[in-house]
Amino acid sequence: MLLLTMAGCGFEPLYVERKSDEKWYYKGEFDTSISDEIAQIKIEPIADRLGQLIRNDLLDNLTPKGVPATPKYRLEVFNIKKDVTEQAMRDDITATRERVRYMVQYRLYDADNNEELVAGNSIAYLGYDIMANPYSTTYAQKKIEKDAAKILANDISLRMGAYFHSSLTKRGNPNEF
């Protein structure tokens, strides 16, 4: 029943190829056209440590077989911002928890003519407790930085997949991603 409901709303898997003579039946084959397009993205270096972590996760997600020799696309991730908000105040007005918001911008370009294809923002919200032991707090800060990089990279990767799916299937507006 769930499958019929999802099929009725227009849901279709992102990386599965539908044969042209079939309406709603998927054989579970990977849509190599989308995977091939995503594998043609060159991910530019990103500044700072968080940028390095994001880039490494993007490389794992988008180009797991290695950097393309002649990329068709170029992805820039830039303008990394980190906002920290103190929460859960003690009587002495010191915080026991911090909420951190990481924001990045990204742009995908055509490598041949440098035309911007899609641009957007990605945001990750995380938090950690401030402990009496400074080592524990430092560890928590480093951990959420790694977690934020993974969240941001996964979000950007998903948006790249949605962009190429929309472009190749001619469904939706590819610039919305």
N, C-alpha and C. Protein backbone atom coordinates (compact mmCIF):
# COMPACT_ATOMS: atom_id res chain seq x y z
N MET A 1 0.82 -1.19 0.00
CA MET A 1 0.00 0.00 0.00
C MET A 1 0.87 1.26 0.00
N LEU A 2 1.95 1.22 0.76
CA LEU A 2 2.86 2.37 0.83
C LEU A 2 3.48 2.65 -0.54
N LEU A 3 3.85 1.60 -1.27
CA LEU A 3 4.45 1.79 -2.59
C LEU A 3 3.47 2.44 -3.56
N LEU A 4 2.21 2.05 -3.49
CA LEU A 4 1.22 2.66 -4.37
C LEU A 4 1.02 4.13 -4.03
N THR A 5 1.02 4.45 -2.75
CA THR A 5 0.87 5.83 -2.32
C THR A 5 2.05 6.66 -2.80
N MET A 6 3.27 6.13 -2.62
CA MET A 6 4.46 6.87 -3.04
C MET A 6 4.50 7.02 -4.55
N ALA A 7 4.09 6.01 -5.28
CA ALA A 7 4.07 6.10 -6.75
C ALA A 7 3.03 7.12 -7.20
N GLY A 8 1.93 7.21 -6.50
CA GLY A 8 0.88 8.14 -6.87
C GLY A 8 1.26 9.59 -6.65
N CYS A 9 2.17 9.86 -5.73
CA CYS A 9 2.56 11.24 -5.45
C CYS A 9 3.69 11.72 -6.35
N GLY A 10 4.20 10.86 -7.21
CA GLY A 10 5.28 11.26 -8.10
C GLY A 10 6.65 10.90 -7.59
N PHE A 11 6.74 10.22 -6.46
CA PHE A 11 8.02 9.81 -5.90
C PHE A 11 8.70 8.83 -6.85
N GLU A 12 9.98 9.05 -7.08
CA GLU A 12 10.76 8.07 -7.82
C GLU A 12 12.18 8.10 -7.30
N PRO A 13 12.81 6.94 -7.21
CA PRO A 13 14.18 6.88 -6.69
C PRO A 13 15.12 7.72 -7.55
N LEU A 14 16.09 8.35 -6.90
CA LEU A 14 17.00 9.25 -7.58
C LEU A 14 17.98 8.53 -8.48
N TYR A 15 18.54 7.42 -8.03
CA TYR A 15 19.61 6.75 -8.77
C TYR A 15 19.15 5.49 -9.49
N VAL A 16 17.86 5.34 -9.73
CA VAL A 16 17.36 4.15 -10.41
C VAL A 16 16.85 4.55 -11.78
N GLU A 17 17.24 3.79 -12.78
CA GLU A 17 16.84 4.08 -14.15
C GLU A 17 15.53 3.38 -14.46
N ARG A 18 14.60 4.12 -15.02
CA ARG A 18 13.33 3.55 -15.45
C ARG A 18 13.42 3.29 -16.94
N LYS A 19 13.08 2.10 -17.34
CA LYS A 19 13.07 1.77 -18.76
C LYS A 19 11.96 2.57 -19.44
N SER A 20 12.19 2.98 -20.66
CA SER A 20 11.24 3.86 -21.35
C SER A 20 9.88 3.20 -21.59
N ASP A 21 9.83 1.87 -21.68
CA ASP A 21 8.57 1.19 -21.95
C ASP A 21 7.82 0.82 -20.67
N GLU A 22 8.37 1.16 -19.51
CA GLU A 22 7.74 0.82 -18.24
C GLU A 22 7.19 2.08 -17.60
N LYS A 23 6.08 1.95 -16.88
CA LYS A 23 5.51 3.13 -16.24
C LYS A 23 5.97 3.27 -14.80
N TRP A 24 5.66 2.33 -13.93
CA TRP A 24 5.98 2.48 -12.51
C TRP A 24 6.80 1.33 -11.96
N TYR A 25 7.31 0.48 -12.81
CA TYR A 25 8.07 -0.66 -12.32
C TYR A 25 9.56 -0.39 -12.46
N TYR A 26 10.27 -0.53 -11.36
CA TYR A 26 11.71 -0.30 -11.36
C TYR A 26 12.42 -1.63 -11.17
N LYS A 27 13.41 -1.87 -11.96
CA LYS A 27 14.17 -3.11 -11.85
C LYS A 27 15.35 -2.99 -10.90
N GLY A 28 15.55 -1.82 -10.34
CA GLY A 28 16.63 -1.65 -9.38
C GLY A 28 17.99 -1.45 -10.02
N GLU A 29 18.01 -1.07 -11.27
CA GLU A 29 19.29 -0.82 -11.93
C GLU A 29 19.72 0.62 -11.63
N PHE A 30 21.02 0.81 -11.45
CA PHE A 30 21.51 2.16 -11.20
C PHE A 30 21.38 3.00 -12.45
N ASP A 31 20.97 4.23 -12.27
CA ASP A 31 20.90 5.16 -13.39
C ASP A 31 22.31 5.66 -13.65
N THR A 32 22.97 5.03 -14.58
CA THR A 32 24.37 5.35 -14.83
C THR A 32 24.54 6.74 -15.40
N SER A 33 23.51 7.29 -16.02
CA SER A 33 23.66 8.63 -16.57
C SER A 33 23.85 9.65 -15.46
N ILE A 34 23.09 9.56 -14.38
CA ILE A 34 23.26 10.48 -13.26
C ILE A 34 24.58 10.22 -12.55
N SER A 35 24.89 8.97 -12.30
CA SER A 35 26.15 8.63 -11.64
C SER A 35 27.34 9.08 -12.47
N ASP A 36 27.25 8.91 -13.78
CA ASP A 36 28.34 9.33 -14.67
C ASP A 36 28.51 10.85 -14.65
N GLU A 37 27.40 11.58 -14.63
CA GLU A 37 27.49 13.04 -14.59
C GLU A 37 28.09 13.51 -13.27
N ILE A 38 27.64 12.92 -12.17
CA ILE A 38 28.16 13.31 -10.86
C ILE A 38 29.65 13.01 -10.77
N ALA A 39 30.08 11.92 -11.37
CA ALA A 39 31.50 11.54 -11.33
C ALA A 39 32.38 12.49 -12.14
N GLN A 40 31.77 13.37 -12.93
CA GLN A 40 32.52 14.33 -13.75
C GLN A 40 32.70 15.68 -13.07
N ILE A 41 32.44 15.74 -11.77
CA ILE A 41 32.58 16.99 -11.02
C ILE A 41 33.98 17.08 -10.42
N LYS A 42 34.64 18.20 -10.67
CA LYS A 42 35.91 18.49 -10.00
C LYS A 42 35.58 19.37 -8.80
N ILE A 43 35.98 18.94 -7.62
CA ILE A 43 35.72 19.68 -6.40
C ILE A 43 36.94 20.53 -6.09
N GLU A 44 36.75 21.83 -6.13
CA GLU A 44 37.86 22.76 -5.90
C GLU A 44 38.29 22.70 -4.43
N PRO A 45 39.57 23.02 -4.15
CA PRO A 45 40.02 23.08 -2.75
C PRO A 45 39.20 24.10 -1.96
N ILE A 46 38.99 23.80 -0.69
CA ILE A 46 38.19 24.66 0.18
C ILE A 46 39.07 25.10 1.34
N ALA A 47 38.99 26.38 1.69
CA ALA A 47 39.85 26.95 2.73
C ALA A 47 39.48 26.40 4.12
N ASP A 48 40.44 26.43 5.02
CA ASP A 48 40.30 26.09 6.43
C ASP A 48 40.15 24.59 6.67
N ARG A 49 40.25 24.21 7.93
CA ARG A 49 40.17 22.80 8.30
C ARG A 49 38.78 22.23 8.02
N LEU A 50 37.74 22.98 8.36
CA LEU A 50 36.39 22.50 8.08
C LEU A 50 36.20 22.32 6.58
N GLY A 51 36.75 23.21 5.79
CA GLY A 51 36.68 23.09 4.34
C GLY A 51 37.36 21.83 3.84
N GLN A 52 38.49 21.48 4.44
CA GLN A 52 39.18 20.24 4.06
C GLN A 52 38.31 19.03 4.36
N LEU A 53 37.67 19.04 5.51
CA LEU A 53 36.80 17.92 5.89
C LEU A 53 35.61 17.81 4.93
N ILE A 54 35.01 18.95 4.60
CA ILE A 54 33.88 18.95 3.66
C ILE A 54 34.33 18.42 2.31
N ARG A 55 35.48 18.89 1.83
CA ARG A 55 35.98 18.46 0.52
C ARG A 55 36.24 16.96 0.50
N ASN A 56 36.86 16.44 1.56
CA ASN A 56 37.13 15.00 1.62
C ASN A 56 35.84 14.20 1.57
N ASP A 57 34.82 14.65 2.31
CA ASP A 57 33.53 13.95 2.28
C ASP A 57 32.86 14.07 0.91
N LEU A 58 32.98 15.24 0.27
CA LEU A 58 32.43 15.40 -1.07
C LEU A 58 33.14 14.49 -2.07
N LEU A 59 34.46 14.38 -1.95
CA LEU A 59 35.20 13.47 -2.83
C LEU A 59 34.72 12.04 -2.66
N ASP A 60 34.49 11.63 -1.42
CA ASP A 60 33.98 10.28 -1.16
C ASP A 60 32.58 10.08 -1.75
N ASN A 61 31.74 11.10 -1.62
CA ASN A 61 30.35 11.00 -2.08
C ASN A 61 30.21 11.10 -3.59
N LEU A 62 30.88 12.07 -4.18
CA LEU A 62 30.65 12.39 -5.59
C LEU A 62 31.59 11.66 -6.55
N THR A 63 32.84 11.53 -6.17
CA THR A 63 33.83 10.92 -7.07
C THR A 63 34.60 9.82 -6.35
N PRO A 64 33.91 8.75 -5.94
CA PRO A 64 34.59 7.70 -5.17
C PRO A 64 35.66 6.95 -5.97
N LYS A 65 35.59 7.01 -7.30
CA LYS A 65 36.59 6.33 -8.12
C LYS A 65 37.78 7.21 -8.44
N GLY A 66 37.79 8.42 -7.92
CA GLY A 66 38.90 9.33 -8.14
C GLY A 66 38.48 10.58 -8.90
N VAL A 67 39.38 11.54 -8.90
CA VAL A 67 39.13 12.82 -9.56
C VAL A 67 39.09 12.59 -11.08
N PRO A 68 38.10 13.14 -11.77
CA PRO A 68 38.02 12.93 -13.22
C PRO A 68 39.20 13.58 -13.95
N ALA A 69 39.69 12.91 -14.98
CA ALA A 69 40.83 13.43 -15.75
C ALA A 69 40.44 14.69 -16.51
N THR A 70 39.28 14.67 -17.13
CA THR A 70 38.77 15.85 -17.84
C THR A 70 37.36 16.14 -17.33
N PRO A 71 37.25 16.89 -16.25
CA PRO A 71 35.94 17.13 -15.64
C PRO A 71 35.04 17.99 -16.53
N LYS A 72 33.75 17.70 -16.48
CA LYS A 72 32.75 18.49 -17.19
C LYS A 72 32.21 19.62 -16.32
N TYR A 73 32.36 19.45 -14.99
CA TYR A 73 31.79 20.40 -14.05
C TYR A 73 32.83 20.76 -12.99
N ARG A 74 32.59 21.92 -12.37
CA ARG A 74 33.48 22.38 -11.31
C ARG A 74 32.60 22.83 -10.14
N LEU A 75 32.87 22.30 -8.96
CA LEU A 75 32.09 22.64 -7.76
C LEU A 75 32.95 23.47 -6.82
N GLU A 76 32.45 24.64 -6.47
CA GLU A 76 33.11 25.49 -5.49
C GLU A 76 32.26 25.55 -4.23
N VAL A 77 32.90 25.35 -3.10
CA VAL A 77 32.26 25.52 -1.79
C VAL A 77 33.03 26.63 -1.10
N PHE A 78 32.33 27.64 -0.61
CA PHE A 78 33.01 28.83 -0.08
C PHE A 78 32.15 29.49 0.99
N ASN A 79 32.69 30.56 1.54
CA ASN A 79 31.98 31.38 2.53
C ASN A 79 31.49 30.55 3.71
N ILE A 80 32.41 29.81 4.31
CA ILE A 80 32.07 28.98 5.47
C ILE A 80 31.90 29.88 6.68
N LYS A 81 30.76 29.77 7.33
CA LYS A 81 30.48 30.57 8.53
C LYS A 81 30.12 29.64 9.67
N LYS A 82 30.50 30.07 10.86
CA LYS A 82 30.20 29.31 12.08
C LYS A 82 29.64 30.29 13.10
N ASP A 83 28.42 30.04 13.55
CA ASP A 83 27.79 30.86 14.58
C ASP A 83 27.58 30.01 15.82
N VAL A 84 28.04 30.52 16.96
CA VAL A 84 27.91 29.80 18.22
C VAL A 84 26.95 30.56 19.12
N THR A 85 25.98 29.84 19.68
CA THR A 85 25.02 30.41 20.62
C THR A 85 25.13 29.66 21.93
N GLU A 86 25.35 30.40 23.00
CA GLU A 86 25.42 29.77 24.32
C GLU A 86 24.01 29.50 24.81
N GLN A 87 23.85 28.33 25.44
CA GLN A 87 22.55 27.93 25.97
C GLN A 87 22.72 27.36 27.37
N ALA A 88 21.63 27.17 28.05
CA ALA A 88 21.60 26.54 29.38
C ALA A 88 22.58 27.21 30.32
N MET A 89 22.23 28.40 30.76
CA MET A 89 23.12 29.20 31.62
C MET A 89 23.06 28.76 33.08
N ARG A 90 24.21 28.78 33.72
CA ARG A 90 24.32 28.49 35.15
C ARG A 90 24.01 29.77 35.94
N ASP A 91 24.02 29.64 37.26
CA ASP A 91 23.79 30.80 38.12
C ASP A 91 24.87 31.86 37.95
N ASP A 92 26.10 31.42 37.63
CA ASP A 92 27.20 32.38 37.46
C ASP A 92 27.27 32.91 36.01
N ILE A 93 26.23 32.71 35.25
CA ILE A 93 26.07 33.19 33.88
C ILE A 93 27.12 32.61 32.93
N THR A 94 27.50 31.38 33.15
CA THR A 94 28.32 30.66 32.18
C THR A 94 27.45 29.58 31.55
N ALA A 95 27.72 29.29 30.31
CA ALA A 95 26.90 28.34 29.56
C ALA A 95 27.32 26.91 29.86
N THR A 96 26.35 26.02 29.83
CA THR A 96 26.64 24.59 29.98
C THR A 96 26.44 23.86 28.65
N ARG A 97 25.98 24.59 27.65
CA ARG A 97 25.74 23.99 26.33
C ARG A 97 25.92 25.07 25.27
N GLU A 98 26.42 24.65 24.12
CA GLU A 98 26.53 25.56 22.98
C GLU A 98 25.87 24.93 21.77
N ARG A 99 25.16 25.75 21.05
CA ARG A 99 24.56 25.34 19.78
C ARG A 99 25.35 26.02 18.67
N VAL A 100 25.74 25.23 17.68
CA VAL A 100 26.59 25.75 16.61
C VAL A 100 25.87 25.58 15.27
N ARG A 101 25.90 26.64 14.49
CA ARG A 101 25.32 26.61 13.15
C ARG A 101 26.46 26.83 12.14
N TYR A 102 26.62 25.87 11.26
CA TYR A 102 27.61 25.96 10.19
C TYR A 102 26.86 26.24 8.89
N MET A 103 27.36 27.21 8.13
CA MET A 103 26.73 27.55 6.85
C MET A 103 27.81 27.62 5.77
N VAL A 104 27.49 27.10 4.60
CA VAL A 104 28.38 27.21 3.44
C VAL A 104 27.55 27.55 2.21
N GLN A 105 28.21 28.12 1.24
CA GLN A 105 27.61 28.36 -0.06
C GLN A 105 28.32 27.47 -1.07
N TYR A 106 27.61 27.09 -2.12
CA TYR A 106 28.23 26.28 -3.16
C TYR A 106 27.73 26.74 -4.52
N ARG A 107 28.57 26.49 -5.52
CA ARG A 107 28.21 26.79 -6.91
C ARG A 107 28.76 25.70 -7.80
N LEU A 108 27.95 25.26 -8.73
CA LEU A 108 28.38 24.29 -9.73
C LEU A 108 28.48 25.01 -11.07
N TYR A 109 29.64 24.86 -11.71
CA TYR A 109 29.90 25.52 -12.99
C TYR A 109 30.12 24.48 -14.08
N ASP A 110 29.81 24.86 -15.31
CA ASP A 110 30.22 24.09 -16.47
C ASP A 110 31.71 24.35 -16.65
N ALA A 111 32.51 23.31 -16.72
CA ALA A 111 33.97 23.48 -16.79
C ALA A 111 34.42 24.08 -18.11
N ASP A 112 33.66 23.89 -19.17
CA ASP A 112 34.07 24.41 -20.48
C ASP A 112 33.89 25.91 -20.62
N ASN A 113 32.71 26.41 -20.26
CA ASN A 113 32.44 27.84 -20.47
C ASN A 113 32.28 28.63 -19.18
N ASN A 114 32.50 28.00 -18.04
CA ASN A 114 32.43 28.64 -16.73
C ASN A 114 31.03 29.20 -16.42
N GLU A 115 30.00 28.67 -17.06
CA GLU A 115 28.63 29.09 -16.80
C GLU A 115 28.15 28.49 -15.48
N GLU A 116 27.54 29.32 -14.64
CA GLU A 116 26.99 28.83 -13.38
C GLU A 116 25.73 28.02 -13.67
N LEU A 117 25.72 26.78 -13.19
CA LEU A 117 24.59 25.89 -13.43
C LEU A 117 23.61 25.90 -12.27
N VAL A 118 24.13 25.87 -11.07
CA VAL A 118 23.28 25.86 -9.88
C VAL A 118 24.09 26.41 -8.71
N ALA A 119 23.40 27.08 -7.80
CA ALA A 119 24.06 27.63 -6.61
C ALA A 119 23.09 27.50 -5.44
N GLY A 120 23.65 27.45 -4.25
CA GLY A 120 22.79 27.35 -3.08
C GLY A 120 23.57 27.43 -1.79
N ASN A 121 22.86 27.24 -0.70
CA ASN A 121 23.43 27.26 0.65
C ASN A 121 23.13 25.93 1.32
N SER A 122 23.99 25.58 2.24
CA SER A 122 23.77 24.39 3.05
C SER A 122 24.03 24.77 4.50
N ILE A 123 23.20 24.26 5.39
CA ILE A 123 23.30 24.61 6.82
C ILE A 123 23.26 23.34 7.65
N ALA A 124 24.08 23.32 8.70
CA ALA A 124 24.07 22.21 9.66
C ALA A 124 23.97 22.80 11.06
N TYR A 125 23.07 22.26 11.87
CA TYR A 125 22.90 22.67 13.26
C TYR A 125 23.36 21.53 14.15
N LEU A 126 24.24 21.83 15.08
CA LEU A 126 24.71 20.84 16.04
C LEU A 126 24.86 21.50 17.40
N GLY A 127 25.06 20.68 18.42
CA GLY A 127 25.27 21.21 19.75
C GLY A 127 26.12 20.27 20.58
N TYR A 128 26.68 20.82 21.65
CA TYR A 128 27.49 20.00 22.56
C TYR A 128 27.43 20.61 23.95
N ASP A 129 27.71 19.76 24.93
CA ASP A 129 27.74 20.20 26.33
C ASP A 129 29.12 20.71 26.68
N ILE A 130 29.15 21.76 27.50
CA ILE A 130 30.42 22.29 28.00
C ILE A 130 30.66 21.62 29.35
N MET A 131 31.70 20.82 29.40
CA MET A 131 31.99 20.04 30.60
C MET A 131 32.98 20.76 31.50
N ALA A 132 33.10 20.27 32.72
CA ALA A 132 34.09 20.81 33.66
C ALA A 132 35.50 20.47 33.19
N ASN A 133 35.66 19.34 32.54
CA ASN A 133 36.95 18.92 32.01
C ASN A 133 37.16 19.56 30.63
N PRO A 134 38.16 20.42 30.46
CA PRO A 134 38.37 21.10 29.17
C PRO A 134 38.64 20.13 28.02
N TYR A 135 39.27 19.00 28.30
CA TYR A 135 39.54 18.02 27.24
C TYR A 135 38.24 17.50 26.65
N SER A 136 37.26 17.23 27.51
CA SER A 136 35.97 16.72 27.03
C SER A 136 35.28 17.74 26.14
N THR A 137 35.36 19.00 26.52
CA THR A 137 34.74 20.05 25.71
C THR A 137 35.45 20.20 24.37
N THR A 138 36.77 20.17 24.39
CA THR A 138 37.55 20.27 23.14
C THR A 138 37.24 19.09 22.23
N TYR A 139 37.15 17.90 22.79
CA TYR A 139 36.82 16.71 22.01
C TYR A 139 35.44 16.87 21.37
N ALA A 140 34.47 17.36 22.15
CA ALA A 140 33.12 17.56 21.63
C ALA A 140 33.11 18.59 20.50
N GLN A 141 33.90 19.64 20.64
CA GLN A 141 33.98 20.66 19.59
C GLN A 141 34.54 20.07 18.29
N LYS A 142 35.59 19.28 18.41
CA LYS A 142 36.20 18.65 17.23
C LYS A 142 35.23 17.65 16.58
N LYS A 143 34.51 16.92 17.43
CA LYS A 143 33.57 15.92 16.90
C LYS A 143 32.44 16.57 16.13
N ILE A 144 31.87 17.64 16.66
CA ILE A 144 30.76 18.27 15.92
C ILE A 144 31.26 18.94 14.64
N GLU A 145 32.52 19.35 14.62
CA GLU A 145 33.07 19.90 13.37
C GLU A 145 33.12 18.81 12.29
N LYS A 146 33.56 17.61 12.68
CA LYS A 146 33.58 16.49 11.72
C LYS A 146 32.16 16.11 11.31
N ASP A 147 31.25 16.09 12.28
CA ASP A 147 29.85 15.76 11.97
C ASP A 147 29.23 16.81 11.05
N ALA A 148 29.54 18.09 11.29
CA ALA A 148 29.02 19.16 10.44
C ALA A 148 29.53 19.02 9.02
N ALA A 149 30.80 18.68 8.87
CA ALA A 149 31.37 18.49 7.53
C ALA A 149 30.63 17.39 6.79
N LYS A 150 30.34 16.30 7.47
CA LYS A 150 29.64 15.18 6.84
C LYS A 150 28.21 15.59 6.47
N ILE A 151 27.52 16.30 7.36
CA ILE A 151 26.15 16.74 7.09
C ILE A 151 26.13 17.69 5.89
N LEU A 152 27.04 18.66 5.87
CA LEU A 152 27.09 19.63 4.77
C LEU A 152 27.43 18.95 3.45
N ALA A 153 28.42 18.05 3.48
CA ALA A 153 28.81 17.33 2.25
C ALA A 153 27.67 16.45 1.75
N ASN A 154 26.98 15.78 2.65
CA ASN A 154 25.85 14.93 2.25
C ASN A 154 24.73 15.77 1.64
N ASP A 155 24.48 16.94 2.22
CA ASP A 155 23.44 17.82 1.70
C ASP A 155 23.80 18.31 0.30
N ILE A 156 25.04 18.76 0.13
CA ILE A 156 25.48 19.24 -1.19
C ILE A 156 25.45 18.10 -2.20
N SER A 157 25.89 16.91 -1.79
CA SER A 157 25.88 15.75 -2.69
C SER A 157 24.46 15.42 -3.14
N LEU A 158 23.52 15.45 -2.20
CA LEU A 158 22.13 15.18 -2.54
C LEU A 158 21.59 16.22 -3.50
N ARG A 159 21.95 17.47 -3.29
CA ARG A 159 21.49 18.54 -4.18
C ARG A 159 22.10 18.40 -5.57
N MET A 160 23.34 17.92 -5.65
CA MET A 160 23.94 17.68 -6.97
C MET A 160 23.19 16.55 -7.68
N GLY A 161 22.86 15.50 -6.94
CA GLY A 161 22.09 14.41 -7.53
C GLY A 161 20.73 14.87 -8.00
N ALA A 162 20.06 15.69 -7.19
CA ALA A 162 18.74 16.21 -7.57
C ALA A 162 18.85 17.12 -8.79
N TYR A 163 19.91 17.92 -8.85
CA TYR A 163 20.11 18.80 -10.01
C TYR A 163 20.26 17.97 -11.28
N PHE A 164 21.14 16.97 -11.26
CA PHE A 164 21.38 16.18 -12.46
C PHE A 164 20.15 15.35 -12.82
N HIS A 165 19.45 14.84 -11.82
CA HIS A 165 18.22 14.09 -12.09
C HIS A 165 17.20 14.98 -12.79
N SER A 166 17.03 16.19 -12.27
CA SER A 166 16.09 17.13 -12.86
C SER A 166 16.51 17.54 -14.27
N SER A 167 17.81 17.76 -14.46
CA SER A 167 18.32 18.15 -15.78
C SER A 167 18.14 17.04 -16.80
N LEU A 168 18.45 15.82 -16.40
CA LEU A 168 18.41 14.70 -17.35
C LEU A 168 17.00 14.21 -17.64
N THR A 169 16.11 14.28 -16.65
CA THR A 169 14.74 13.79 -16.86
C THR A 169 13.81 14.89 -17.32
N LYS A 170 14.30 16.14 -17.31
CA LYS A 170 13.49 17.30 -17.71
C LYS A 170 12.25 17.45 -16.83
N ARG A 171 12.40 17.08 -15.55
CA ARG A 171 11.31 17.23 -14.59
C ARG A 171 11.73 18.23 -13.54
N GLY A 172 10.89 19.17 -13.25
CA GLY A 172 11.19 20.16 -12.23
C GLY A 172 12.14 21.22 -12.75
N ASN A 173 12.49 22.13 -11.88
CA ASN A 173 13.41 23.21 -12.21
C ASN A 173 14.77 22.88 -11.61
N PRO A 174 15.78 22.60 -12.42
CA PRO A 174 17.08 22.22 -11.87
C PRO A 174 17.73 23.33 -11.05
N ASN A 175 17.32 24.58 -11.25
CA ASN A 175 17.93 25.69 -10.52
C ASN A 175 17.39 25.83 -9.10
N GLU A 176 16.43 25.02 -8.72
CA GLU A 176 15.88 25.08 -7.37
C GLU A 176 16.75 24.35 -6.36
N PHE A 177 17.78 23.67 -6.80
CA PHE A 177 18.58 22.87 -5.90
C PHE A 177 19.82 23.62 -5.56
